[in-house]
Amino acid sequence: MAIACARHILVKTKEEAETIKKQLASGIDFAKLAKKHSLDKSSAKNGGELGEFGPGKMLKAFDNVVFKKPVLTVHGPIKTKFGFHLIETIYRH
């Protein structure tokens, strides 16, 4: 079974996610932006880190990024019932 470790930033709007993604692209630290902006306070305090998890533990849209897209790349905005996510898979094995 695959295991992955990822981090994310959750915000209310697509526009907010796109603004943060531009800040990430300009070199601003992911963890710093997660702590400042993410609505997921439990992961935000850890720089957006979600720890290790397997397929099916997150929403399908989230799993599709973590288990199918390239690692160490920020993907999104990804829409779920919680809002818009920027997701970076740290590792997958």
C-alpha atoms as a PDB file:
ATOM      1  CA  MET A   1       0.000   0.000   0.000  1.00  0.00           C
ATOM      2  CA  ALA A   2       1.263   3.477  -0.854  1.00  0.00           C
ATOM      3  CA  ILE A   3       2.052   5.922   1.916  1.00  0.00           C
ATOM      4  CA  ALA A   4       2.493   9.646   1.426  1.00  0.00           C
ATOM      5  CA  CYS A   5       3.320  12.715   3.452  1.00  0.00           C
ATOM      6  CA  ALA A   6       1.869  16.017   2.300  1.00  0.00           C
ATOM      7  CA  ARG A   7       1.200  19.544   3.417  1.00  0.00           C
ATOM      8  CA  HIS A   8      -1.518  21.956   2.410  1.00  0.00           C
ATOM      9  CA  ILE A   9      -2.905  25.438   2.753  1.00  0.00           C
ATOM     10  CA  LEU A  10      -6.705  25.665   2.933  1.00  0.00           C
ATOM     11  CA  VAL A  11      -8.481  28.939   2.114  1.00  0.00           C
ATOM     12  CA  LYS A  12     -12.048  29.990   1.294  1.00  0.00           C
ATOM     13  CA  THR A  13     -11.657  31.297  -2.245  1.00  0.00           C
ATOM     14  CA  LYS A  14      -9.900  30.277  -5.435  1.00  0.00           C
ATOM     15  CA  GLU A  15      -8.571  33.829  -5.774  1.00  0.00           C
ATOM     16  CA  GLU A  16      -6.967  33.680  -2.326  1.00  0.00           C
ATOM     17  CA  ALA A  17      -5.358  30.332  -3.189  1.00  0.00           C
ATOM     18  CA  GLU A  18      -3.999  31.732  -6.455  1.00  0.00           C
ATOM     19  CA  THR A  19      -2.534  34.751  -4.652  1.00  0.00           C
ATOM     20  CA  ILE A  20      -0.786  32.491  -2.140  1.00  0.00           C
ATOM     21  CA  LYS A  21       0.469  30.227  -4.942  1.00  0.00           C
ATOM     22  CA  LYS A  22       2.100  33.275  -6.572  1.00  0.00           C
ATOM     23  CA  GLN A  23       3.767  34.103  -3.243  1.00  0.00           C
ATOM     24  CA  LEU A  24       5.079  30.527  -3.048  1.00  0.00           C
ATOM     25  CA  ALA A  25       6.426  30.812  -6.602  1.00  0.00           C
ATOM     26  CA  SER A  26       8.245  34.013  -5.609  1.00  0.00           C
ATOM     27  CA  GLY A  27      10.093  32.099  -2.888  1.00  0.00           C
ATOM     28  CA  ILE A  28       8.045  32.733   0.254  1.00  0.00           C
ATOM     29  CA  ASP A  29       8.186  29.744   2.603  1.00  0.00           C
ATOM     30  CA  PHE A  30       5.250  27.286   2.423  1.00  0.00           C
ATOM     31  CA  ALA A  31       5.194  26.721   6.187  1.00  0.00           C
ATOM     32  CA  LYS A  32       5.126  30.451   6.896  1.00  0.00           C
ATOM     33  CA  LEU A  33       2.173  30.977   4.528  1.00  0.00           C
ATOM     34  CA  ALA A  34       0.338  27.945   5.937  1.00  0.00           C
ATOM     35  CA  LYS A  35       0.661  29.285   9.473  1.00  0.00           C
ATOM     36  CA  LYS A  36      -0.589  32.695   8.388  1.00  0.00           C
ATOM     37  CA  HIS A  37      -3.424  31.788   6.001  1.00  0.00           C
ATOM     38  CA  SER A  38      -4.629  28.189   6.343  1.00  0.00           C
ATOM     39  CA  LEU A  39      -8.116  27.599   7.729  1.00  0.00           C
ATOM     40  CA  ASP A  40      -7.001  24.117   8.829  1.00  0.00           C
ATOM     41  CA  LYS A  41      -5.595  25.272  12.151  1.00  0.00           C
ATOM     42  CA  SER A  42      -4.465  21.816  13.272  1.00  0.00           C
ATOM     43  CA  SER A  43      -2.091  21.440  10.313  1.00  0.00           C
ATOM     44  CA  ALA A  44      -1.338  25.171  10.005  1.00  0.00           C
ATOM     45  CA  LYS A  45       0.548  25.194  13.293  1.00  0.00           C
ATOM     46  CA  ASN A  46       2.842  22.528  11.754  1.00  0.00           C
ATOM     47  CA  GLY A  47       3.442  24.510   8.581  1.00  0.00           C
ATOM     48  CA  GLY A  48       0.572  22.765   6.790  1.00  0.00           C
ATOM     49  CA  GLU A  49       1.988  19.262   7.334  1.00  0.00           C
ATOM     50  CA  LEU A  50      -0.567  16.465   7.496  1.00  0.00           C
ATOM     51  CA  GLY A  51       1.792  13.624   8.397  1.00  0.00           C
ATOM     52  CA  GLU A  52       1.728  10.203   6.731  1.00  0.00           C
ATOM     53  CA  PHE A  53      -1.438   8.696   5.309  1.00  0.00           C
ATOM     54  CA  GLY A  54      -2.568   6.135   2.791  1.00  0.00           C
ATOM     55  CA  PRO A  55      -5.041   6.281  -0.093  1.00  0.00           C
ATOM     56  CA  GLY A  56      -8.651   6.783   0.960  1.00  0.00           C
ATOM     57  CA  LYS A  57      -7.838   8.700   4.150  1.00  0.00           C
ATOM     58  CA  MET A  58      -8.394  12.088   2.509  1.00  0.00           C
ATOM     59  CA  LEU A  59     -11.045  13.378   0.120  1.00  0.00           C
ATOM     60  CA  LYS A  60     -10.833  11.956  -3.412  1.00  0.00           C
ATOM     61  CA  ALA A  61      -9.731  15.272  -4.964  1.00  0.00           C
ATOM     62  CA  PHE A  62      -6.954  15.460  -2.370  1.00  0.00           C
ATOM     63  CA  ASP A  63      -5.867  11.834  -2.949  1.00  0.00           C
ATOM     64  CA  ASN A  64      -5.779  12.419  -6.711  1.00  0.00           C
ATOM     65  CA  VAL A  65      -3.101  15.061  -6.194  1.00  0.00           C
ATOM     66  CA  VAL A  66      -1.094  13.331  -3.476  1.00  0.00           C
ATOM     67  CA  PHE A  67      -0.969   9.894  -5.092  1.00  0.00           C
ATOM     68  CA  LYS A  68      -0.930  10.797  -8.801  1.00  0.00           C
ATOM     69  CA  LYS A  69       0.827  14.151  -9.282  1.00  0.00           C
ATOM     70  CA  PRO A  70       4.564  14.909  -9.030  1.00  0.00           C
ATOM     71  CA  VAL A  71       6.065  15.284  -5.551  1.00  0.00           C
ATOM     72  CA  LEU A  72       7.675  18.494  -4.299  1.00  0.00           C
ATOM     73  CA  THR A  73       5.436  20.589  -6.547  1.00  0.00           C
ATOM     74  CA  VAL A  74       2.631  22.830  -5.303  1.00  0.00           C
ATOM     75  CA  HIS A  75      -0.647  21.824  -6.953  1.00  0.00           C
ATOM     76  CA  GLY A  76      -3.902  23.716  -6.910  1.00  0.00           C
ATOM     77  CA  PRO A  77      -6.098  25.398  -6.206  1.00  0.00           C
ATOM     78  CA  ILE A  78      -7.955  22.113  -5.607  1.00  0.00           C
ATOM     79  CA  LYS A  79     -11.610  22.522  -4.646  1.00  0.00           C
ATOM     80  CA  THR A  80     -13.181  20.366  -1.932  1.00  0.00           C
ATOM     81  CA  LYS A  81     -16.201  20.807   0.316  1.00  0.00           C
ATOM     82  CA  PHE A  82     -13.886  22.582   2.786  1.00  0.00           C
ATOM     83  CA  GLY A  83     -12.614  25.239   0.367  1.00  0.00           C
ATOM     84  CA  PHE A  84      -9.576  25.541  -1.889  1.00  0.00           C
ATOM     85  CA  HIS A  85      -6.300  23.754  -1.184  1.00  0.00           C
ATOM     86  CA  LEU A  86      -2.736  24.218  -2.281  1.00  0.00           C
ATOM     87  CA  ILE A  87      -1.147  20.795  -1.864  1.00  0.00           C
ATOM     88  CA  GLU A  88       2.474  19.698  -1.896  1.00  0.00           C
ATOM     89  CA  THR A  89       3.359  16.034  -1.583  1.00  0.00           C
ATOM     90  CA  ILE A  90       6.601  15.835   0.381  1.00  0.00           C
ATOM     91  CA  TYR A  91       7.191  12.145  -0.353  1.00  0.00           C
ATOM     92  CA  ARG A  92       5.346   9.054  -1.526  1.00  0.00           C
ATOM     93  CA  HIS A  93       6.394   5.415  -1.335  1.00  0.00           C
END
